[in-house]
Amino acid sequence: MEIDFTQTEIDIIKKHVDGRWQKKDHGVHMGDIEVGGKEKPAAIWEDTYYTFIIIKIAAFTYKNMFYFMRDKRFDTGTDEYSDLNECVDSIMKAQADFSLSKNTKGLKVEINKE
C-alpha cells in the first residue's frame, strides 16, 4: 500500500517554501515519481530555473533533489532523511549555495543528456 504525504507534511513543506519566497507564491504541487521501479509520492515546486522535489520513500523517510535548467540534477548527498524539516531545509540550502557560487563541490550532480 502506497504512503501519501499527510496534510501535516504538506503544511511543513509549504511553510518552508513560503518562508523562503515571501513575495511570490510558488505553490507546492503533489505528484508521483518513479523510484526504484515503484511510484512514490512527491512534493514539487519551481523557482525560475530550479525545480525542487521532496519524495516520500516510506513513513517518516524522505529524499530530496533539485534540477537546474531541467538537465542537471543535484541532491545533498544524503540518501534519506527521517526529519522532513531537515530534508526541505537541506535541499533549499544546497540550491542557494549552488545559485550563489555555481559551485557543485559537495553536491552529487547528474547531467541528463536526452
C-alpha atoms as a PDB file:
ATOM      1  CA  MET A   1       0.000   0.000   0.000  1.00  0.00           C
ATOM      2  CA  GLU A   2       1.364   3.393  -1.034  1.00  0.00           C
ATOM      3  CA  ILE A   3       2.030   6.016   1.614  1.00  0.00           C
ATOM      4  CA  ASP A   4       0.978   9.545   0.648  1.00  0.00           C
ATOM      5  CA  PHE A   5       2.025  12.816   2.226  1.00  0.00           C
ATOM      6  CA  THR A   6      -0.183  13.751   5.157  1.00  0.00           C
ATOM      7  CA  GLN A   7      -1.699  17.225   5.349  1.00  0.00           C
ATOM      8  CA  THR A   8       0.720  17.998   8.183  1.00  0.00           C
ATOM      9  CA  GLU A   9       3.701  17.062   5.972  1.00  0.00           C
ATOM     10  CA  ILE A  10       2.372  19.182   3.113  1.00  0.00           C
ATOM     11  CA  ASP A  11       1.933  22.095   5.533  1.00  0.00           C
ATOM     12  CA  ILE A  12       5.544  21.694   6.736  1.00  0.00           C
ATOM     13  CA  ILE A  13       6.849  21.848   3.163  1.00  0.00           C
ATOM     14  CA  LYS A  14       4.669  24.860   2.330  1.00  0.00           C
ATOM     15  CA  LYS A  15       5.845  26.648   5.494  1.00  0.00           C
ATOM     16  CA  HIS A  16       9.468  26.336   4.363  1.00  0.00           C
ATOM     17  CA  VAL A  17       8.721  27.372   0.775  1.00  0.00           C
ATOM     18  CA  ASP A  18       6.615  30.353   1.866  1.00  0.00           C
ATOM     19  CA  GLY A  19       9.275  31.338   4.394  1.00  0.00           C
ATOM     20  CA  ARG A  20      11.958  31.484   1.731  1.00  0.00           C
ATOM     21  CA  TRP A  21       9.965  33.159  -1.023  1.00  0.00           C
ATOM     22  CA  GLN A  22       7.705  35.534   0.869  1.00  0.00           C
ATOM     23  CA  LYS A  23       6.838  37.749  -2.090  1.00  0.00           C
ATOM     24  CA  LYS A  24       5.892  35.001  -4.532  1.00  0.00           C
ATOM     25  CA  ASP A  25       3.508  32.067  -4.229  1.00  0.00           C
ATOM     26  CA  HIS A  26       5.260  29.023  -5.659  1.00  0.00           C
ATOM     27  CA  GLY A  27       2.529  26.536  -4.939  1.00  0.00           C
ATOM     28  CA  VAL A  28       3.643  23.109  -3.831  1.00  0.00           C
ATOM     29  CA  HIS A  29       2.205  20.529  -6.213  1.00  0.00           C
ATOM     30  CA  MET A  30       1.738  16.878  -5.421  1.00  0.00           C
ATOM     31  CA  GLY A  31       2.659  14.172  -7.890  1.00  0.00           C
ATOM     32  CA  ASP A  32       4.262  10.771  -8.262  1.00  0.00           C
ATOM     33  CA  ILE A  33       7.830   9.933  -9.228  1.00  0.00           C
ATOM     34  CA  GLU A  34       9.290   6.565 -10.109  1.00  0.00           C
ATOM     35  CA  VAL A  35      11.978   5.482  -7.654  1.00  0.00           C
ATOM     36  CA  GLY A  36      13.485   2.015  -7.929  1.00  0.00           C
ATOM     37  CA  GLY A  37      10.725   0.883 -10.261  1.00  0.00           C
ATOM     38  CA  LYS A  38       7.938   1.998  -7.906  1.00  0.00           C
ATOM     39  CA  GLU A  39       5.788   5.118  -7.895  1.00  0.00           C
ATOM     40  CA  LYS A  40       6.414   7.306  -4.855  1.00  0.00           C
ATOM     41  CA  PRO A  41       4.553  10.467  -3.811  1.00  0.00           C
ATOM     42  CA  ALA A  42       6.420  13.723  -4.392  1.00  0.00           C
ATOM     43  CA  ALA A  43       6.026  17.371  -3.455  1.00  0.00           C
ATOM     44  CA  ILE A  44       7.256  19.646  -6.256  1.00  0.00           C
ATOM     45  CA  TRP A  45       7.728  23.399  -6.625  1.00  0.00           C
ATOM     46  CA  GLU A  46       9.596  25.627  -9.045  1.00  0.00           C
ATOM     47  CA  ASP A  47      11.522  28.872  -8.940  1.00  0.00           C
ATOM     48  CA  THR A  48      12.923  30.366 -12.155  1.00  0.00           C
ATOM     49  CA  TYR A  49      15.458  27.786 -13.419  1.00  0.00           C
ATOM     50  CA  TYR A  50      15.050  25.382 -10.499  1.00  0.00           C
ATOM     51  CA  THR A  51      12.661  22.523  -9.778  1.00  0.00           C
ATOM     52  CA  PHE A  52      12.629  21.173  -6.218  1.00  0.00           C
ATOM     53  CA  ILE A  53      11.413  17.701  -5.318  1.00  0.00           C
ATOM     54  CA  ILE A  54      10.779  16.016  -1.973  1.00  0.00           C
ATOM     55  CA  ILE A  55       9.960  12.306  -2.302  1.00  0.00           C
ATOM     56  CA  LYS A  56       8.274  10.302   0.425  1.00  0.00           C
ATOM     57  CA  ILE A  57      10.026   6.938   0.393  1.00  0.00           C
ATOM     58  CA  ALA A  58       8.157   5.486   3.388  1.00  0.00           C
ATOM     59  CA  ALA A  59       6.557   6.713   6.615  1.00  0.00           C
ATOM     60  CA  PHE A  60       8.945   9.334   8.021  1.00  0.00           C
ATOM     61  CA  THR A  61      11.507   8.668   5.269  1.00  0.00           C
ATOM     62  CA  TYR A  62      12.197  11.329   2.617  1.00  0.00           C
ATOM     63  CA  LYS A  63      14.607  12.071  -0.211  1.00  0.00           C
ATOM     64  CA  ASN A  64      15.333  15.436  -1.807  1.00  0.00           C
ATOM     65  CA  MET A  65      16.720  16.779  -5.061  1.00  0.00           C
ATOM     66  CA  PHE A  66      16.587  19.783  -7.306  1.00  0.00           C
ATOM     67  CA  TYR A  67      17.033  20.305 -11.016  1.00  0.00           C
ATOM     68  CA  PHE A  68      18.777  23.255 -12.597  1.00  0.00           C
ATOM     69  CA  MET A  69      17.774  24.051 -16.197  1.00  0.00           C
ATOM     70  CA  ARG A  70      15.918  20.710 -16.361  1.00  0.00           C
ATOM     71  CA  ASP A  71      19.024  18.661 -17.226  1.00  0.00           C
ATOM     72  CA  LYS A  72      21.258  18.926 -14.163  1.00  0.00           C
ATOM     73  CA  ARG A  73      20.075  17.048 -11.106  1.00  0.00           C
ATOM     74  CA  PHE A  74      21.505  17.745  -7.662  1.00  0.00           C
ATOM     75  CA  ASP A  75      20.968  16.293  -4.241  1.00  0.00           C
ATOM     76  CA  THR A  76      22.624  16.836  -0.905  1.00  0.00           C
ATOM     77  CA  GLY A  77      24.488  13.520  -0.875  1.00  0.00           C
ATOM     78  CA  THR A  78      22.303  12.232   1.958  1.00  0.00           C
ATOM     79  CA  ASP A  79      20.328   9.212   0.769  1.00  0.00           C
ATOM     80  CA  GLU A  80      17.372   9.584   3.112  1.00  0.00           C
ATOM     81  CA  TYR A  81      16.068  11.885   5.827  1.00  0.00           C
ATOM     82  CA  SER A  82      13.866  10.911   8.748  1.00  0.00           C
ATOM     83  CA  ASP A  83      13.127  14.571   9.569  1.00  0.00           C
ATOM     84  CA  LEU A  84      11.062  16.389   6.935  1.00  0.00           C
ATOM     85  CA  ASN A  85      12.131  19.840   8.169  1.00  0.00           C
ATOM     86  CA  GLU A  86      15.794  18.888   7.733  1.00  0.00           C
ATOM     87  CA  CYS A  87      15.080  17.375   4.309  1.00  0.00           C
ATOM     88  CA  VAL A  88      13.422  20.549   2.983  1.00  0.00           C
ATOM     89  CA  ASP A  89      15.935  22.903   4.609  1.00  0.00           C
ATOM     90  CA  SER A  90      18.942  20.993   3.295  1.00  0.00           C
ATOM     91  CA  ILE A  91      17.819  20.985  -0.355  1.00  0.00           C
ATOM     92  CA  MET A  92      16.958  24.684  -0.266  1.00  0.00           C
ATOM     93  CA  LYS A  93      20.317  25.462   1.333  1.00  0.00           C
ATOM     94  CA  ALA A  94      22.123  23.333  -1.273  1.00  0.00           C
ATOM     95  CA  GLN A  95      20.316  25.187  -4.075  1.00  0.00           C
ATOM     96  CA  ALA A  96      21.064  28.575  -2.523  1.00  0.00           C
ATOM     97  CA  ASP A  97      24.747  27.675  -2.176  1.00  0.00           C
ATOM     98  CA  PHE A  98      24.802  26.486  -5.791  1.00  0.00           C
ATOM     99  CA  SER A  99      22.972  29.578  -7.010  1.00  0.00           C
ATOM    100  CA  LEU A 100      25.366  31.915  -5.212  1.00  0.00           C
ATOM    101  CA  SER A 101      28.519  30.159  -6.292  1.00  0.00           C
ATOM    102  CA  LYS A 102      27.541  27.911  -9.219  1.00  0.00           C
ATOM    103  CA  ASN A 103      29.863  25.519  -7.419  1.00  0.00           C
ATOM    104  CA  THR A 104      28.936  21.850  -7.196  1.00  0.00           C
ATOM    105  CA  LYS A 105      31.518  20.986  -4.530  1.00  0.00           C
ATOM    106  CA  GLY A 106      29.921  18.671  -2.001  1.00  0.00           C
ATOM    107  CA  LEU A 107      26.828  18.104  -4.135  1.00  0.00           C
ATOM    108  CA  LYS A 108      26.088  14.975  -6.089  1.00  0.00           C
ATOM    109  CA  VAL A 109      25.300  16.031  -9.666  1.00  0.00           C
ATOM    110  CA  GLU A 110      23.855  14.022 -12.513  1.00  0.00           C
ATOM    111  CA  ILE A 111      23.563  15.532 -16.010  1.00  0.00           C
ATOM    112  CA  ASN A 112      20.894  14.046 -18.279  1.00  0.00           C
ATOM    113  CA  LYS A 113      21.682  14.165 -21.985  1.00  0.00           C
ATOM    114  CA  GLU A 114      18.442  13.311 -23.742  1.00  0.00           C
END
